[in-house]
Amino acid sequence: MIMLLGGRLLTCYSLRCIRAAFLGFVPVSALALLYICTQQRERSVMTAEPAASA
């Protein structure tokens, strides 16, 4: 009985931890993706400018 209750509590706690980690990970990954996209766009613009001027 105690083992079952402990297991249920552990599952609830782990699910909460997973959800918290997921909620924390989503904005961070979105920001990282946005940063990578802007960096690549700047790099492509930098590589395109000398070719256009030359």
PDB file of N, CA and C in Angstrom:
ATOM      1  N   MET A   1       0.843  -1.205   0.000  1.00  0.00           N
ATOM      2  CA  MET A   1       0.000   0.000   0.000  1.00  0.00           C
ATOM      3  C   MET A   1       0.881   1.258   0.000  1.00  0.00           C
ATOM      4  N   ILE A   2       1.848   1.310   0.904  1.00  0.00           N
ATOM      5  CA  ILE A   2       2.747   2.467   0.986  1.00  0.00           C
ATOM      6  C   ILE A   2       3.596   2.566  -0.278  1.00  0.00           C
ATOM      7  N   MET A   3       4.014   1.402  -0.783  1.00  0.00           N
ATOM      8  CA  MET A   3       4.822   1.376  -2.010  1.00  0.00           C
ATOM      9  C   MET A   3       4.019   1.934  -3.187  1.00  0.00           C
ATOM     10  N   LEU A   4       2.740   1.551  -3.267  1.00  0.00           N
ATOM     11  CA  LEU A   4       1.864   2.016  -4.346  1.00  0.00           C
ATOM     12  C   LEU A   4       1.678   3.524  -4.255  1.00  0.00           C
ATOM     13  N   LEU A   5       1.444   4.022  -3.050  1.00  0.00           N
ATOM     14  CA  LEU A   5       1.259   5.447  -2.830  1.00  0.00           C
ATOM     15  C   LEU A   5       2.549   6.199  -3.158  1.00  0.00           C
ATOM     16  N   GLY A   6       3.690   5.656  -2.740  1.00  0.00           N
ATOM     17  CA  GLY A   6       4.985   6.261  -3.024  1.00  0.00           C
ATOM     18  C   GLY A   6       5.259   6.289  -4.519  1.00  0.00           C
ATOM     19  N   GLY A   7       4.909   5.196  -5.196  1.00  0.00           N
ATOM     20  CA  GLY A   7       5.098   5.134  -6.649  1.00  0.00           C
ATOM     21  C   GLY A   7       4.248   6.161  -7.366  1.00  0.00           C
ATOM     22  N   ARG A   8       3.005   6.306  -6.902  1.00  0.00           N
ATOM     23  CA  ARG A   8       2.109   7.284  -7.517  1.00  0.00           C
ATOM     24  C   ARG A   8       2.617   8.697  -7.292  1.00  0.00           C
ATOM     25  N   LEU A   9       3.102   8.963  -6.093  1.00  0.00           N
ATOM     26  CA  LEU A   9       3.640  10.279  -5.739  1.00  0.00           C
ATOM     27  C   LEU A   9       4.878  10.580  -6.587  1.00  0.00           C
ATOM     28  N   LEU A  10       5.728   9.559  -6.744  1.00  0.00           N
ATOM     29  CA  LEU A  10       6.945   9.698  -7.536  1.00  0.00           C
ATOM     30  C   LEU A  10       6.600   9.979  -8.997  1.00  0.00           C
ATOM     31  N   THR A  11       5.597   9.271  -9.514  1.00  0.00           N
ATOM     32  CA  THR A  11       5.172   9.475 -10.902  1.00  0.00           C
ATOM     33  C   THR A  11       4.636  10.889 -11.088  1.00  0.00           C
ATOM     34  N   CYS A  12       3.823  11.340 -10.132  1.00  0.00           N
ATOM     35  CA  CYS A  12       3.263  12.687 -10.197  1.00  0.00           C
ATOM     36  C   CYS A  12       4.379  13.722 -10.156  1.00  0.00           C
ATOM     37  N   TYR A  13       5.344  13.507  -9.264  1.00  0.00           N
ATOM     38  CA  TYR A  13       6.464  14.436  -9.117  1.00  0.00           C
ATOM     39  C   TYR A  13       7.328  14.462 -10.370  1.00  0.00           C
ATOM     40  N   SER A  14       7.593  13.274 -10.938  1.00  0.00           N
ATOM     41  CA  SER A  14       8.425  13.205 -12.140  1.00  0.00           C
ATOM     42  C   SER A  14       7.703  13.850 -13.320  1.00  0.00           C
ATOM     43  N   LEU A  15       6.389  13.650 -13.417  1.00  0.00           N
ATOM     44  CA  LEU A  15       5.619  14.281 -14.489  1.00  0.00           C
ATOM     45  C   LEU A  15       5.657  15.794 -14.351  1.00  0.00           C
ATOM     46  N   ARG A  16       5.567  16.267 -13.116  1.00  0.00           N
ATOM     47  CA  ARG A  16       5.635  17.708 -12.873  1.00  0.00           C
ATOM     48  C   ARG A  16       7.012  18.238 -13.255  1.00  0.00           C
ATOM     49  N   CYS A  17       8.059  17.476 -12.908  1.00  0.00           N
ATOM     50  CA  CYS A  17       9.425  17.876 -13.262  1.00  0.00           C
ATOM     51  C   CYS A  17       9.607  17.901 -14.777  1.00  0.00           C
ATOM     52  N   ILE A  18       9.074  16.878 -15.445  1.00  0.00           N
ATOM     53  CA  ILE A  18       9.171  16.800 -16.911  1.00  0.00           C
ATOM     54  C   ILE A  18       8.431  17.980 -17.539  1.00  0.00           C
ATOM     55  N   ARG A  19       7.253  18.272 -17.016  1.00  0.00           N
ATOM     56  CA  ARG A  19       6.466  19.379 -17.562  1.00  0.00           C
ATOM     57  C   ARG A  19       7.172  20.713 -17.339  1.00  0.00           C
ATOM     58  N   ALA A  20       7.749  20.876 -16.149  1.00  0.00           N
ATOM     59  CA  ALA A  20       8.487  22.111 -15.843  1.00  0.00           C
ATOM     60  C   ALA A  20       9.710  22.236 -16.747  1.00  0.00           C
ATOM     61  N   ALA A  21      10.412  21.127 -16.949  1.00  0.00           N
ATOM     62  CA  ALA A  21      11.586  21.135 -17.818  1.00  0.00           C
ATOM     63  C   ALA A  21      11.176  21.438 -19.250  1.00  0.00           C
ATOM     64  N   PHE A  22      10.046  20.856 -19.683  1.00  0.00           N
ATOM     65  CA  PHE A  22       9.551  21.077 -21.037  1.00  0.00           C
ATOM     66  C   PHE A  22       9.147  22.532 -21.232  1.00  0.00           C
ATOM     67  N   LEU A  23       8.428  23.086 -20.246  1.00  0.00           N
ATOM     68  CA  LEU A  23       8.006  24.491 -20.324  1.00  0.00           C
ATOM     69  C   LEU A  23       9.209  25.427 -20.293  1.00  0.00           C
ATOM     70  N   GLY A  24      10.251  25.030 -19.594  1.00  0.00           N
ATOM     71  CA  GLY A  24      11.471  25.835 -19.576  1.00  0.00           C
ATOM     72  C   GLY A  24      12.271  25.676 -20.854  1.00  0.00           C
ATOM     73  N   PHE A  25      12.192  24.486 -21.465  1.00  0.00           N
ATOM     74  CA  PHE A  25      12.986  24.184 -22.652  1.00  0.00           C
ATOM     75  C   PHE A  25      12.411  24.814 -23.912  1.00  0.00           C
ATOM     76  N   VAL A  26      11.084  24.874 -24.011  1.00  0.00           N
ATOM     77  CA  VAL A  26      10.443  25.396 -25.224  1.00  0.00           C
ATOM     78  C   VAL A  26      10.850  26.839 -25.532  1.00  0.00           C
ATOM     79  N   PRO A  27      10.731  27.798 -24.597  1.00  0.00           N
ATOM     80  CA  PRO A  27      11.136  29.177 -24.922  1.00  0.00           C
ATOM     81  C   PRO A  27      12.627  29.300 -25.215  1.00  0.00           C
ATOM     82  N   VAL A  28      13.443  28.538 -24.487  1.00  0.00           N
ATOM     83  CA  VAL A  28      14.891  28.593 -24.689  1.00  0.00           C
ATOM     84  C   VAL A  28      15.261  28.083 -26.081  1.00  0.00           C
ATOM     85  N   SER A  29      14.645  26.964 -26.472  1.00  0.00           N
ATOM     86  CA  SER A  29      14.937  26.409 -27.796  1.00  0.00           C
ATOM     87  C   SER A  29      14.421  27.333 -28.892  1.00  0.00           C
ATOM     88  N   ALA A  30      13.277  27.965 -28.661  1.00  0.00           N
ATOM     89  CA  ALA A  30      12.728  28.907 -29.642  1.00  0.00           C
ATOM     90  C   ALA A  30      13.657  30.112 -29.795  1.00  0.00           C
ATOM     91  N   LEU A  31      14.160  30.625 -28.690  1.00  0.00           N
ATOM     92  CA  LEU A  31      15.097  31.752 -28.736  1.00  0.00           C
ATOM     93  C   LEU A  31      16.403  31.354 -29.423  1.00  0.00           C
ATOM     94  N   ALA A  32      16.873  30.156 -29.129  1.00  0.00           N
ATOM     95  CA  ALA A  32      18.106  29.668 -29.751  1.00  0.00           C
ATOM     96  C   ALA A  32      17.924  29.529 -31.261  1.00  0.00           C
ATOM     97  N   LEU A  33      16.781  29.006 -31.668  1.00  0.00           N
ATOM     98  CA  LEU A  33      16.480  28.841 -33.093  1.00  0.00           C
ATOM     99  C   LEU A  33      16.402  30.204 -33.775  1.00  0.00           C
ATOM    100  N   LEU A  34      15.749  31.154 -33.118  1.00  0.00           N
ATOM    101  CA  LEU A  34      15.631  32.506 -33.655  1.00  0.00           C
ATOM    102  C   LEU A  34      17.018  33.145 -33.787  1.00  0.00           C
ATOM    103  N   TYR A  35      17.863  32.946 -32.781  1.00  0.00           N
ATOM    104  CA  TYR A  35      19.225  33.485 -32.796  1.00  0.00           C
ATOM    105  C   TYR A  35      20.037  32.878 -33.941  1.00  0.00           C
ATOM    106  N   ILE A  36      19.930  31.563 -34.107  1.00  0.00           N
ATOM    107  CA  ILE A  36      20.652  30.879 -35.189  1.00  0.00           C
ATOM    108  C   ILE A  36      20.174  31.393 -36.549  1.00  0.00           C
ATOM    109  N   CYS A  37      18.875  31.559 -36.691  1.00  0.00           N
ATOM    110  CA  CYS A  37      18.314  32.058 -37.956  1.00  0.00           C
ATOM    111  C   CYS A  37      18.823  33.462 -38.268  1.00  0.00           C
ATOM    112  N   THR A  38      18.854  34.337 -37.269  1.00  0.00           N
ATOM    113  CA  THR A  38      19.327  35.705 -37.496  1.00  0.00           C
ATOM    114  C   THR A  38      20.820  35.716 -37.805  1.00  0.00           C
ATOM    115  N   GLN A  39      21.584  34.859 -37.134  1.00  0.00           N
ATOM    116  CA  GLN A  39      23.015  34.771 -37.392  1.00  0.00           C
ATOM    117  C   GLN A  39      23.285  34.300 -38.825  1.00  0.00           C
ATOM    118  N   GLN A  40      22.541  33.294 -39.276  1.00  0.00           N
ATOM    119  CA  GLN A  40      22.723  32.771 -40.629  1.00  0.00           C
ATOM    120  C   GLN A  40      22.297  33.805 -41.658  1.00  0.00           C
ATOM    121  N   ARG A  41      21.237  34.552 -41.364  1.00  0.00           N
ATOM    122  CA  ARG A  41      20.760  35.576 -42.287  1.00  0.00           C
ATOM    123  C   ARG A  41      21.818  36.680 -42.402  1.00  0.00           C
ATOM    124  N   GLU A  42      22.390  37.105 -41.283  1.00  0.00           N
ATOM    125  CA  GLU A  42      23.452  38.127 -41.303  1.00  0.00           C
ATOM    126  C   GLU A  42      24.669  37.638 -42.073  1.00  0.00           C
ATOM    127  N   ARG A  43      24.998  36.361 -41.872  1.00  0.00           N
ATOM    128  CA  ARG A  43      26.155  35.786 -42.542  1.00  0.00           C
ATOM    129  C   ARG A  43      25.912  35.722 -44.053  1.00  0.00           C
ATOM    130  N   SER A  44      24.700  35.335 -44.456  1.00  0.00           N
ATOM    131  CA  SER A  44      24.383  35.252 -45.883  1.00  0.00           C
ATOM    132  C   SER A  44      24.372  36.652 -46.503  1.00  0.00           C
ATOM    133  N   VAL A  45      23.911  37.636 -45.745  1.00  0.00           N
ATOM    134  CA  VAL A  45      23.925  39.024 -46.223  1.00  0.00           C
ATOM    135  C   VAL A  45      25.370  39.498 -46.373  1.00  0.00           C
ATOM    136  N   MET A  46      26.215  39.151 -45.401  1.00  0.00           N
ATOM    137  CA  MET A  46      27.624  39.544 -45.464  1.00  0.00           C
ATOM    138  C   MET A  46      28.337  38.902 -46.650  1.00  0.00           C
ATOM    139  N   THR A  47      28.011  37.655 -46.929  1.00  0.00           N
ATOM    140  CA  THR A  47      28.661  36.969 -48.054  1.00  0.00           C
ATOM    141  C   THR A  47      28.078  37.441 -49.379  1.00  0.00           C
ATOM    142  N   ALA A  48      26.832  37.900 -49.372  1.00  0.00           N
ATOM    143  CA  ALA A  48      26.183  38.347 -50.609  1.00  0.00           C
ATOM    144  C   ALA A  48      26.637  39.764 -50.992  1.00  0.00           C
ATOM    145  N   GLU A  49      26.920  40.617 -50.017  1.00  0.00           N
ATOM    146  CA  GLU A  49      27.299  42.012 -50.301  1.00  0.00           C
ATOM    147  C   GLU A  49      28.594  42.151 -51.112  1.00  0.00           C
ATOM    148  N   PRO A  50      29.680  41.479 -50.736  1.00  0.00           N
ATOM    149  CA  PRO A  50      30.903  41.625 -51.542  1.00  0.00           C
ATOM    150  C   PRO A  50      30.718  41.097 -52.968  1.00  0.00           C
ATOM    151  N   ALA A  51      29.928  40.030 -53.122  1.00  0.00           N
ATOM    152  CA  ALA A  51      29.679  39.467 -54.446  1.00  0.00           C
ATOM    153  C   ALA A  51      28.887  40.471 -55.291  1.00  0.00           C
ATOM    154  N   ALA A  52      27.956  41.179 -54.669  1.00  0.00           N
ATOM    155  CA  ALA A  52      27.152  42.164 -55.398  1.00  0.00           C
ATOM    156  C   ALA A  52      28.001  43.384 -55.774  1.00  0.00           C
ATOM    157  N   SER A  53      28.888  43.785 -54.881  1.00  0.00           N
ATOM    158  CA  SER A  53      29.730  44.951 -55.163  1.00  0.00           C
ATOM    159  C   SER A  53      30.822  44.602 -56.176  1.00  0.00           C
ATOM    160  N   ALA A  54      31.283  43.358 -56.173  1.00  0.00           N
ATOM    161  CA  ALA A  54      32.324  42.915 -57.103  1.00  0.00           C
ATOM    162  C   ALA A  54      31.668  42.432 -58.384  1.00  0.00           C
TER     163      ALA A  54
END
